[in-house]
Amino acid sequence: MNVSTAPHDATTRFTGLARIYDRFRPGYPAECLGWLADTLRLGASHQVADIGAGTGKMSEELVYQGIRTVAVEPNRDMLGILEAKAATTNLLTAVHATA
């Protein structure tokens, strides 16, 4: 994609591609998130924000570590998948907004 064909509104970049993105984009290594949680001493009493969360790849790993996560995503398609994931746990809240 060159600059002239790039979307002017970055929040629409993945419109229509959310399922493909969620299926094929690699997740984050649990070991890295475990290290981050340990280093920052994050746990159930903490809450973090995942800004530009997409379909929630990072958010899932944070929740797996027992960390309350607010996932902020501006793209409605990506948010739909994120909301489905949030419906499975009380540790994840999905929010439609821009940073």
PDB file of N, CA and C in Angstrom:
ATOM      1  N   MET A   1       0.854  -1.170   0.000  1.00  0.00           N
ATOM      2  CA  MET A   1       0.000   0.000   0.000  1.00  0.00           C
ATOM      3  C   MET A   1       0.897   1.229   0.000  1.00  0.00           C
ATOM      4  N   ASN A   2       0.653   2.127  -0.902  1.00  0.00           N
ATOM      5  CA  ASN A   2       1.424   3.367  -0.890  1.00  0.00           C
ATOM      6  C   ASN A   2       0.640   4.446  -0.164  1.00  0.00           C
ATOM      7  N   VAL A   3       1.280   5.555   0.068  1.00  0.00           N
ATOM      8  CA  VAL A   3       0.664   6.628   0.856  1.00  0.00           C
ATOM      9  C   VAL A   3      -0.623   7.128   0.221  1.00  0.00           C
ATOM     10  N   SER A   4      -0.683   7.184  -1.078  1.00  0.00           N
ATOM     11  CA  SER A   4      -1.872   7.726  -1.735  1.00  0.00           C
ATOM     12  C   SER A   4      -3.093   6.821  -1.586  1.00  0.00           C
ATOM     13  N   THR A   5      -2.894   5.510  -1.358  1.00  0.00           N
ATOM     14  CA  THR A   5      -4.022   4.602  -1.202  1.00  0.00           C
ATOM     15  C   THR A   5      -4.285   4.220   0.247  1.00  0.00           C
ATOM     16  N   ALA A   6      -3.471   4.738   1.150  1.00  0.00           N
ATOM     17  CA  ALA A   6      -3.672   4.442   2.569  1.00  0.00           C
ATOM     18  C   ALA A   6      -4.939   5.121   3.057  1.00  0.00           C
ATOM     19  N   PRO A   7      -5.705   4.437   3.926  1.00  0.00           N
ATOM     20  CA  PRO A   7      -6.913   5.075   4.457  1.00  0.00           C
ATOM     21  C   PRO A   7      -6.557   6.326   5.249  1.00  0.00           C
ATOM     22  N   HIS A   8      -7.348   7.363   5.052  1.00  0.00           N
ATOM     23  CA  HIS A   8      -7.118   8.597   5.797  1.00  0.00           C
ATOM     24  C   HIS A   8      -7.503   8.420   7.264  1.00  0.00           C
ATOM     25  N   ASP A   9      -8.474   7.566   7.516  1.00  0.00           N
ATOM     26  CA  ASP A   9      -8.926   7.294   8.873  1.00  0.00           C
ATOM     27  C   ASP A   9      -8.390   5.926   9.287  1.00  0.00           C
ATOM     28  N   ALA A  10      -7.356   5.917  10.091  1.00  0.00           N
ATOM     29  CA  ALA A  10      -6.717   4.654  10.494  1.00  0.00           C
ATOM     30  C   ALA A  10      -7.668   3.730  11.242  1.00  0.00           C
ATOM     31  N   THR A  11      -8.743   4.266  11.808  1.00  0.00           N
ATOM     32  CA  THR A  11      -9.669   3.413  12.555  1.00  0.00           C
ATOM     33  C   THR A  11     -10.458   2.480  11.646  1.00  0.00           C
ATOM     34  N   THR A  12     -10.427   2.713  10.350  1.00  0.00           N
ATOM     35  CA  THR A  12     -11.158   1.840   9.425  1.00  0.00           C
ATOM     36  C   THR A  12     -10.239   0.851   8.707  1.00  0.00           C
ATOM     37  N   ARG A  13      -8.980   0.880   9.030  1.00  0.00           N
ATOM     38  CA  ARG A  13      -7.978   0.061   8.327  1.00  0.00           C
ATOM     39  C   ARG A  13      -8.354  -1.426   8.279  1.00  0.00           C
ATOM     40  N   PHE A  14      -8.923  -1.971   9.347  1.00  0.00           N
ATOM     41  CA  PHE A  14      -9.217  -3.404   9.392  1.00  0.00           C
ATOM     42  C   PHE A  14     -10.699  -3.724   9.221  1.00  0.00           C
ATOM     43  N   THR A  15     -11.482  -2.760   8.784  1.00  0.00           N
ATOM     44  CA  THR A  15     -12.903  -3.006   8.561  1.00  0.00           C
ATOM     45  C   THR A  15     -13.060  -4.125   7.531  1.00  0.00           C
ATOM     46  N   GLY A  16     -13.848  -5.115   7.891  1.00  0.00           N
ATOM     47  CA  GLY A  16     -14.068  -6.265   7.024  1.00  0.00           C
ATOM     48  C   GLY A  16     -13.005  -7.346   7.136  1.00  0.00           C
ATOM     49  N   LEU A  17     -11.986  -7.124   7.941  1.00  0.00           N
ATOM     50  CA  LEU A  17     -10.881  -8.073   8.060  1.00  0.00           C
ATOM     51  C   LEU A  17     -10.702  -8.623   9.477  1.00  0.00           C
ATOM     52  N   ALA A  18     -11.585  -8.286  10.382  1.00  0.00           N
ATOM     53  CA  ALA A  18     -11.397  -8.625  11.794  1.00  0.00           C
ATOM     54  C   ALA A  18     -11.261 -10.129  12.033  1.00  0.00           C
ATOM     55  N   ARG A  19     -12.094 -10.929  11.413  1.00  0.00           N
ATOM     56  CA  ARG A  19     -12.023 -12.389  11.635  1.00  0.00           C
ATOM     57  C   ARG A  19     -10.701 -12.960  11.120  1.00  0.00           C
ATOM     58  N   ILE A  20     -10.268 -12.488   9.965  1.00  0.00           N
ATOM     59  CA  ILE A  20      -8.988 -12.941   9.415  1.00  0.00           C
ATOM     60  C   ILE A  20      -7.848 -12.503  10.328  1.00  0.00           C
ATOM     61  N   TYR A  21      -7.901 -11.251  10.756  1.00  0.00           N
ATOM     62  CA  TYR A  21      -6.888 -10.704  11.661  1.00  0.00           C
ATOM     63  C   TYR A  21      -6.806 -11.547  12.932  1.00  0.00           C
ATOM     64  N   ASP A  22      -7.952 -11.820  13.526  1.00  0.00           N
ATOM     65  CA  ASP A  22      -7.973 -12.569  14.782  1.00  0.00           C
ATOM     66  C   ASP A  22      -7.466 -13.996  14.597  1.00  0.00           C
ATOM     67  N   ARG A  23      -7.780 -14.580  13.476  1.00  0.00           N
ATOM     68  CA  ARG A  23      -7.381 -15.976  13.235  1.00  0.00           C
ATOM     69  C   ARG A  23      -5.886 -16.125  12.948  1.00  0.00           C
ATOM     70  N   PHE A  24      -5.332 -15.205  12.177  1.00  0.00           N
ATOM     71  CA  PHE A  24      -3.971 -15.401  11.698  1.00  0.00           C
ATOM     72  C   PHE A  24      -2.907 -14.551  12.367  1.00  0.00           C
ATOM     73  N   ARG A  25      -3.285 -13.479  13.040  1.00  0.00           N
ATOM     74  CA  ARG A  25      -2.262 -12.664  13.700  1.00  0.00           C
ATOM     75  C   ARG A  25      -1.748 -13.417  14.920  1.00  0.00           C
ATOM     76  N   PRO A  26      -0.461 -13.580  15.042  1.00  0.00           N
ATOM     77  CA  PRO A  26       0.072 -14.282  16.210  1.00  0.00           C
ATOM     78  C   PRO A  26      -0.262 -13.540  17.500  1.00  0.00           C
ATOM     79  N   GLY A  27      -0.409 -14.299  18.553  1.00  0.00           N
ATOM     80  CA  GLY A  27      -0.639 -13.696  19.865  1.00  0.00           C
ATOM     81  C   GLY A  27       0.675 -13.301  20.508  1.00  0.00           C
ATOM     82  N   TYR A  28       0.601 -12.945  21.743  1.00  0.00           N
ATOM     83  CA  TYR A  28       1.784 -12.554  22.508  1.00  0.00           C
ATOM     84  C   TYR A  28       2.218 -13.730  23.375  1.00  0.00           C
ATOM     85  N   PRO A  29       3.503 -13.976  23.496  1.00  0.00           N
ATOM     86  CA  PRO A  29       3.973 -15.095  24.329  1.00  0.00           C
ATOM     87  C   PRO A  29       3.560 -14.906  25.789  1.00  0.00           C
ATOM     88  N   ALA A  30       2.938 -15.934  26.336  1.00  0.00           N
ATOM     89  CA  ALA A  30       2.488 -15.875  27.732  1.00  0.00           C
ATOM     90  C   ALA A  30       3.651 -15.593  28.672  1.00  0.00           C
ATOM     91  N   GLU A  31       4.826 -16.085  28.327  1.00  0.00           N
ATOM     92  CA  GLU A  31       6.001 -15.855  29.178  1.00  0.00           C
ATOM     93  C   GLU A  31       6.315 -14.368  29.301  1.00  0.00           C
ATOM     94  N   CYS A  32       6.158 -13.637  28.204  1.00  0.00           N
ATOM     95  CA  CYS A  32       6.421 -12.186  28.225  1.00  0.00           C
ATOM     96  C   CYS A  32       5.417 -11.467  29.117  1.00  0.00           C
ATOM     97  N   LEU A  33       4.143 -11.867  28.995  1.00  0.00           N
ATOM     98  CA  LEU A  33       3.123 -11.228  29.823  1.00  0.00           C
ATOM     99  C   LEU A  33       3.278 -11.618  31.281  1.00  0.00           C
ATOM    100  N   GLY A  34       3.700 -12.841  31.528  1.00  0.00           N
ATOM    101  CA  GLY A  34       3.980 -13.265  32.904  1.00  0.00           C
ATOM    102  C   GLY A  34       5.112 -12.455  33.497  1.00  0.00           C
ATOM    103  N   TRP A  35       6.163 -12.252  32.714  1.00  0.00           N
ATOM    104  CA  TRP A  35       7.297 -11.440  33.163  1.00  0.00           C
ATOM    105  C   TRP A  35       6.840 -10.012  33.448  1.00  0.00           C
ATOM    106  N   LEU A  36       6.040  -9.444  32.545  1.00  0.00           N
ATOM    107  CA  LEU A  36       5.539  -8.080  32.734  1.00  0.00           C
ATOM    108  C   LEU A  36       4.704  -7.970  34.009  1.00  0.00           C
ATOM    109  N   ALA A  37       3.801  -8.924  34.203  1.00  0.00           N
ATOM    110  CA  ALA A  37       2.955  -8.916  35.393  1.00  0.00           C
ATOM    111  C   ALA A  37       3.792  -9.044  36.658  1.00  0.00           C
ATOM    112  N   ASP A  38       4.783  -9.928  36.635  1.00  0.00           N
ATOM    113  CA  ASP A  38       5.655 -10.101  37.800  1.00  0.00           C
ATOM    114  C   ASP A  38       6.493  -8.855  38.062  1.00  0.00           C
ATOM    115  N   THR A  39       7.078  -8.299  37.012  1.00  0.00           N
ATOM    116  CA  THR A  39       7.947  -7.134  37.149  1.00  0.00           C
ATOM    117  C   THR A  39       7.191  -5.922  37.681  1.00  0.00           C
ATOM    118  N   LEU A  40       5.972  -5.718  37.177  1.00  0.00           N
ATOM    119  CA  LEU A  40       5.163  -4.573  37.612  1.00  0.00           C
ATOM    120  C   LEU A  40       4.280  -4.898  38.810  1.00  0.00           C
ATOM    121  N   ARG A  41       4.382  -6.145  39.268  1.00  0.00           N
ATOM    122  CA  ARG A  41       3.577  -6.623  40.402  1.00  0.00           C
ATOM    123  C   ARG A  41       2.078  -6.405  40.172  1.00  0.00           C
ATOM    124  N   LEU A  42       1.647  -6.777  38.965  1.00  0.00           N
ATOM    125  CA  LEU A  42       0.238  -6.641  38.602  1.00  0.00           C
ATOM    126  C   LEU A  42      -0.516  -7.894  39.010  1.00  0.00           C
ATOM    127  N   GLY A  43      -1.731  -7.690  39.455  1.00  0.00           N
ATOM    128  CA  GLY A  43      -2.560  -8.812  39.858  1.00  0.00           C
ATOM    129  C   GLY A  43      -4.023  -8.440  39.828  1.00  0.00           C
ATOM    130  N   ALA A  44      -4.829  -9.224  40.514  1.00  0.00           N
ATOM    131  CA  ALA A  44      -6.276  -9.049  40.494  1.00  0.00           C
ATOM    132  C   ALA A  44      -6.727  -7.693  41.026  1.00  0.00           C
ATOM    133  N   SER A  45      -5.922  -7.054  41.851  1.00  0.00           N
ATOM    134  CA  SER A  45      -6.323  -5.751  42.403  1.00  0.00           C
ATOM    135  C   SER A  45      -5.966  -4.588  41.472  1.00  0.00           C
ATOM    136  N   HIS A  46      -5.357  -4.889  40.326  1.00  0.00           N
ATOM    137  CA  HIS A  46      -4.957  -3.849  39.379  1.00  0.00           C
ATOM    138  C   HIS A  46      -5.844  -3.862  38.145  1.00  0.00           C
ATOM    139  N   GLN A  47      -5.822  -2.758  37.437  1.00  0.00           N
ATOM    140  CA  GLN A  47      -6.538  -2.647  36.174  1.00  0.00           C
ATOM    141  C   GLN A  47      -5.631  -1.955  35.171  1.00  0.00           C
ATOM    142  N   VAL A  48      -5.586  -2.493  33.962  1.00  0.00           N
ATOM    143  CA  VAL A  48      -4.771  -1.888  32.914  1.00  0.00           C
ATOM    144  C   VAL A  48      -5.650  -1.578  31.715  1.00  0.00           C
ATOM    145  N   ALA A  49      -5.164  -0.691  30.854  1.00  0.00           N
ATOM    146  CA  ALA A  49      -5.865  -0.359  29.615  1.00  0.00           C
ATOM    147  C   ALA A  49      -5.047  -0.863  28.439  1.00  0.00           C
ATOM    148  N   ASP A  50      -5.707  -1.519  27.528  1.00  0.00           N
ATOM    149  CA  ASP A  50      -5.105  -1.957  26.271  1.00  0.00           C
ATOM    150  C   ASP A  50      -5.680  -1.034  25.198  1.00  0.00           C
ATOM    151  N   ILE A  51      -4.902  -0.036  24.815  1.00  0.00           N
ATOM    152  CA  ILE A  51      -5.365   0.982  23.863  1.00  0.00           C
ATOM    153  C   ILE A  51      -5.078   0.496  22.440  1.00  0.00           C
ATOM    154  N   GLY A  52      -6.097   0.576  21.585  1.00  0.00           N
ATOM    155  CA  GLY A  52      -5.957   0.024  20.238  1.00  0.00           C
ATOM    156  C   GLY A  52      -5.893  -1.480  20.308  1.00  0.00           C
ATOM    157  N   ALA A  53      -6.805  -2.059  21.067  1.00  0.00           N
ATOM    158  CA  ALA A  53      -6.762  -3.476  21.428  1.00  0.00           C
ATOM    159  C   ALA A  53      -7.017  -4.438  20.276  1.00  0.00           C
ATOM    160  N   GLY A  54      -7.543  -3.946  19.179  1.00  0.00           N
ATOM    161  CA  GLY A  54      -7.848  -4.847  18.073  1.00  0.00           C
ATOM    162  C   GLY A  54      -8.866  -5.886  18.502  1.00  0.00           C
ATOM    163  N   THR A  55      -8.565  -7.139  18.241  1.00  0.00           N
ATOM    164  CA  THR A  55      -9.478  -8.222  18.629  1.00  0.00           C
ATOM    165  C   THR A  55      -9.168  -8.768  20.017  1.00  0.00           C
ATOM    166  N   GLY A  56      -8.223  -8.146  20.699  1.00  0.00           N
ATOM    167  CA  GLY A  56      -7.962  -8.514  22.084  1.00  0.00           C
ATOM    168  C   GLY A  56      -6.860  -9.521  22.318  1.00  0.00           C
ATOM    169  N   LYS A  57      -5.911  -9.628  21.408  1.00  0.00           N
ATOM    170  CA  LYS A  57      -4.818 -10.595  21.589  1.00  0.00           C
ATOM    171  C   LYS A  57      -4.033 -10.320  22.878  1.00  0.00           C
ATOM    172  N   MET A  58      -3.650  -9.067  23.088  1.00  0.00           N
ATOM    173  CA  MET A  58      -2.920  -8.705  24.315  1.00  0.00           C
ATOM    174  C   MET A  58      -3.850  -8.797  25.533  1.00  0.00           C
ATOM    175  N   SER A  59      -5.060  -8.329  25.366  1.00  0.00           N
ATOM    176  CA  SER A  59      -6.025  -8.353  26.472  1.00  0.00           C
ATOM    177  C   SER A  59      -6.252  -9.759  26.994  1.00  0.00           C
ATOM    178  N   GLU A  60      -6.350 -10.733  26.087  1.00  0.00           N
ATOM    179  CA  GLU A  60      -6.540 -12.123  26.489  1.00  0.00           C
ATOM    180  C   GLU A  60      -5.402 -12.586  27.395  1.00  0.00           C
ATOM    181  N   GLU A  61      -4.195 -12.250  27.037  1.00  0.00           N
ATOM    182  CA  GLU A  61      -3.043 -12.671  27.834  1.00  0.00           C
ATOM    183  C   GLU A  61      -3.022 -11.967  29.190  1.00  0.00           C
ATOM    184  N   LEU A  62      -3.400 -10.703  29.223  1.00  0.00           N
ATOM    185  CA  LEU A  62      -3.472  -9.979  30.500  1.00  0.00           C
ATOM    186  C   LEU A  62      -4.513 -10.617  31.408  1.00  0.00           C
ATOM    187  N   VAL A  63      -5.664 -10.936  30.845  1.00  0.00           N
ATOM    188  CA  VAL A  63      -6.731 -11.587  31.614  1.00  0.00           C
ATOM    189  C   VAL A  63      -6.267 -12.953  32.106  1.00  0.00           C
ATOM    190  N   TYR A  64      -5.547 -13.679  31.265  1.00  0.00           N
ATOM    191  CA  TYR A  64      -5.011 -14.983  31.661  1.00  0.00           C
ATOM    192  C   TYR A  64      -4.099 -14.843  32.879  1.00  0.00           C
ATOM    193  N   GLN A  65      -3.426 -13.703  32.992  1.00  0.00           N
ATOM    194  CA  GLN A  65      -2.569 -13.427  34.149  1.00  0.00           C
ATOM    195  C   GLN A  65      -3.386 -12.972  35.367  1.00  0.00           C
ATOM    196  N   GLY A  66      -4.707 -12.869  35.203  1.00  0.00           N
ATOM    197  CA  GLY A  66      -5.585 -12.463  36.302  1.00  0.00           C
ATOM    198  C   GLY A  66      -5.696 -10.959  36.457  1.00  0.00           C
ATOM    199  N   ILE A  67      -5.361 -10.207  35.425  1.00  0.00           N
ATOM    200  CA  ILE A  67      -5.359  -8.744  35.498  1.00  0.00           C
ATOM    201  C   ILE A  67      -6.617  -8.193  34.842  1.00  0.00           C
ATOM    202  N   ARG A  68      -7.339  -7.345  35.573  1.00  0.00           N
ATOM    203  CA  ARG A  68      -8.506  -6.671  35.009  1.00  0.00           C
ATOM    204  C   ARG A  68      -8.039  -5.773  33.871  1.00  0.00           C
ATOM    205  N   THR A  69      -8.703  -5.879  32.727  1.00  0.00           N
ATOM    206  CA  THR A  69      -8.266  -5.165  31.539  1.00  0.00           C
ATOM    207  C   THR A  69      -9.436  -4.438  30.888  1.00  0.00           C
ATOM    208  N   VAL A  70      -9.215  -3.173  30.567  1.00  0.00           N
ATOM    209  CA  VAL A  70     -10.157  -2.397  29.770  1.00  0.00           C
ATOM    210  C   VAL A  70      -9.531  -2.278  28.387  1.00  0.00           C
ATOM    211  N   ALA A  71     -10.184  -2.866  27.409  1.00  0.00           N
ATOM    212  CA  ALA A  71      -9.665  -2.882  26.044  1.00  0.00           C
ATOM    213  C   ALA A  71     -10.402  -1.839  25.218  1.00  0.00           C
ATOM    214  N   VAL A  72      -9.661  -0.873  24.702  1.00  0.00           N
ATOM    215  CA  VAL A  72     -10.230   0.238  23.941  1.00  0.00           C
ATOM    216  C   VAL A  72      -9.935   0.021  22.461  1.00  0.00           C
ATOM    217  N   GLU A  73     -10.986   0.005  21.638  1.00  0.00           N
ATOM    218  CA  GLU A  73     -10.820  -0.241  20.203  1.00  0.00           C
ATOM    219  C   GLU A  73     -11.779   0.640  19.399  1.00  0.00           C
ATOM    220  N   PRO A  74     -11.263   1.386  18.412  1.00  0.00           N
ATOM    221  CA  PRO A  74     -12.123   2.271  17.632  1.00  0.00           C
ATOM    222  C   PRO A  74     -12.811   1.601  16.437  1.00  0.00           C
ATOM    223  N   ASN A  75     -12.337   0.454  15.973  1.00  0.00           N
ATOM    224  CA  ASN A  75     -12.900  -0.182  14.793  1.00  0.00           C
ATOM    225  C   ASN A  75     -14.041  -1.113  15.200  1.00  0.00           C
ATOM    226  N   ARG A  76     -15.223  -0.874  14.657  1.00  0.00           N
ATOM    227  CA  ARG A  76     -16.415  -1.646  15.048  1.00  0.00           C
ATOM    228  C   ARG A  76     -16.265  -3.140  14.765  1.00  0.00           C
ATOM    229  N   ASP A  77     -15.664  -3.515  13.641  1.00  0.00           N
ATOM    230  CA  ASP A  77     -15.485  -4.947  13.329  1.00  0.00           C
ATOM    231  C   ASP A  77     -14.566  -5.621  14.341  1.00  0.00           C
ATOM    232  N   MET A  78     -13.451  -4.992  14.623  1.00  0.00           N
ATOM    233  CA  MET A  78     -12.513  -5.543  15.604  1.00  0.00           C
ATOM    234  C   MET A  78     -13.187  -5.595  16.980  1.00  0.00           C
ATOM    235  N   LEU A  79     -13.924  -4.548  17.295  1.00  0.00           N
ATOM    236  CA  LEU A  79     -14.609  -4.474  18.583  1.00  0.00           C
ATOM    237  C   LEU A  79     -15.609  -5.618  18.753  1.00  0.00           C
ATOM    238  N   GLY A  80     -16.270  -6.010  17.673  1.00  0.00           N
ATOM    239  CA  GLY A  80     -17.241  -7.103  17.760  1.00  0.00           C
ATOM    240  C   GLY A  80     -16.607  -8.387  18.276  1.00  0.00           C
ATOM    241  N   ILE A  81     -15.437  -8.707  17.776  1.00  0.00           N
ATOM    242  CA  ILE A  81     -14.727  -9.908  18.242  1.00  0.00           C
ATOM    243  C   ILE A  81     -14.253  -9.712  19.669  1.00  0.00           C
ATOM    244  N   LEU A  82     -13.763  -8.540  19.964  1.00  0.00           N
ATOM    245  CA  LEU A  82     -13.313  -8.212  21.318  1.00  0.00           C
ATOM    246  C   LEU A  82     -14.460  -8.320  22.323  1.00  0.00           C
ATOM    247  N   GLU A  83     -15.633  -7.823  21.947  1.00  0.00           N
ATOM    248  CA  GLU A  83     -16.797  -7.904  22.842  1.00  0.00           C
ATOM    249  C   GLU A  83     -17.206  -9.352  23.100  1.00  0.00           C
ATOM    250  N   ALA A  84     -17.104 -10.199  22.091  1.00  0.00           N
ATOM    251  CA  ALA A  84     -17.422 -11.621  22.280  1.00  0.00           C
ATOM    252  C   ALA A  84     -16.474 -12.246  23.296  1.00  0.00           C
ATOM    253  N   LYS A  85     -15.209 -11.869  23.244  1.00  0.00           N
ATOM    254  CA  LYS A  85     -14.239 -12.372  24.215  1.00  0.00           C
ATOM    255  C   LYS A  85     -14.533 -11.818  25.607  1.00  0.00           C
ATOM    256  N   ALA A  86     -14.914 -10.560  25.671  1.00  0.00           N
ATOM    257  CA  ALA A  86     -15.217  -9.930  26.957  1.00  0.00           C
ATOM    258  C   ALA A  86     -16.434 -10.580  27.620  1.00  0.00           C
ATOM    259  N   ALA A  87     -17.342 -11.086  26.810  1.00  0.00           N
ATOM    260  CA  ALA A  87     -18.551 -11.721  27.350  1.00  0.00           C
ATOM    261  C   ALA A  87     -18.242 -13.023  28.081  1.00  0.00           C
ATOM    262  N   THR A  88     -17.033 -13.551  27.924  1.00  0.00           N
ATOM    263  CA  THR A  88     -16.685 -14.825  28.548  1.00  0.00           C
ATOM    264  C   THR A  88     -15.985 -14.665  29.893  1.00  0.00           C
ATOM    265  N   THR A  89     -15.701 -13.418  30.301  1.00  0.00           N
ATOM    266  CA  THR A  89     -14.991 -13.190  31.563  1.00  0.00           C
ATOM    267  C   THR A  89     -15.371 -11.844  32.161  1.00  0.00           C
ATOM    268  N   ASN A  90     -15.346 -11.767  33.478  1.00  0.00           N
ATOM    269  CA  ASN A  90     -15.608 -10.481  34.118  1.00  0.00           C
ATOM    270  C   ASN A  90     -14.324  -9.664  34.293  1.00  0.00           C
ATOM    271  N   LEU A  91     -13.196 -10.163  33.809  1.00  0.00           N
ATOM    272  CA  LEU A  91     -11.933  -9.444  33.910  1.00  0.00           C
ATOM    273  C   LEU A  91     -11.665  -8.549  32.702  1.00  0.00           C
ATOM    274  N   LEU A  92     -12.504  -8.660  31.671  1.00  0.00           N
ATOM    275  CA  LEU A  92     -12.264  -7.899  30.445  1.00  0.00           C
ATOM    276  C   LEU A  92     -13.469  -7.037  30.106  1.00  0.00           C
ATOM    277  N   THR A  93     -13.217  -5.760  29.881  1.00  0.00           N
ATOM    278  CA  THR A  93     -14.237  -4.817  29.464  1.00  0.00           C
ATOM    279  C   THR A  93     -13.831  -4.236  28.117  1.00  0.00           C
ATOM    280  N   ALA A  94     -14.718  -4.312  27.143  1.00  0.00           N
ATOM    281  CA  ALA A  94     -14.438  -3.758  25.813  1.00  0.00           C
ATOM    282  C   ALA A  94     -15.129  -2.399  25.684  1.00  0.00           C
ATOM    283  N   VAL A  95     -14.381  -1.428  25.164  1.00  0.00           N
ATOM    284  CA  VAL A  95     -14.892  -0.061  25.030  1.00  0.00           C
ATOM    285  C   VAL A  95     -14.659   0.417  23.601  1.00  0.00           C
ATOM    286  N   HIS A  96     -15.700   0.974  22.993  1.00  0.00           N
ATOM    287  CA  HIS A  96     -15.550   1.564  21.663  1.00  0.00           C
ATOM    288  C   HIS A  96     -15.154   3.024  21.841  1.00  0.00           C
ATOM    289  N   ALA A  97     -13.923   3.346  21.474  1.00  0.00           N
ATOM    290  CA  ALA A  97     -13.432   4.721  21.581  1.00  0.00           C
ATOM    291  C   ALA A  97     -12.100   4.833  20.873  1.00  0.00           C
ATOM    292  N   THR A  98     -11.683   6.068  20.640  1.00  0.00           N
ATOM    293  CA  THR A  98     -10.344   6.312  20.142  1.00  0.00           C
ATOM    294  C   THR A  98      -9.494   6.770  21.314  1.00  0.00           C
ATOM    295  N   ALA A  99      -8.201   6.624  21.162  1.00  0.00           N
ATOM    296  CA  ALA A  99      -7.293   7.060  22.239  1.00  0.00           C
ATOM    297  C   ALA A  99      -7.171   8.559  22.171  1.00  0.00           C
TER     298      ALA A  99
END
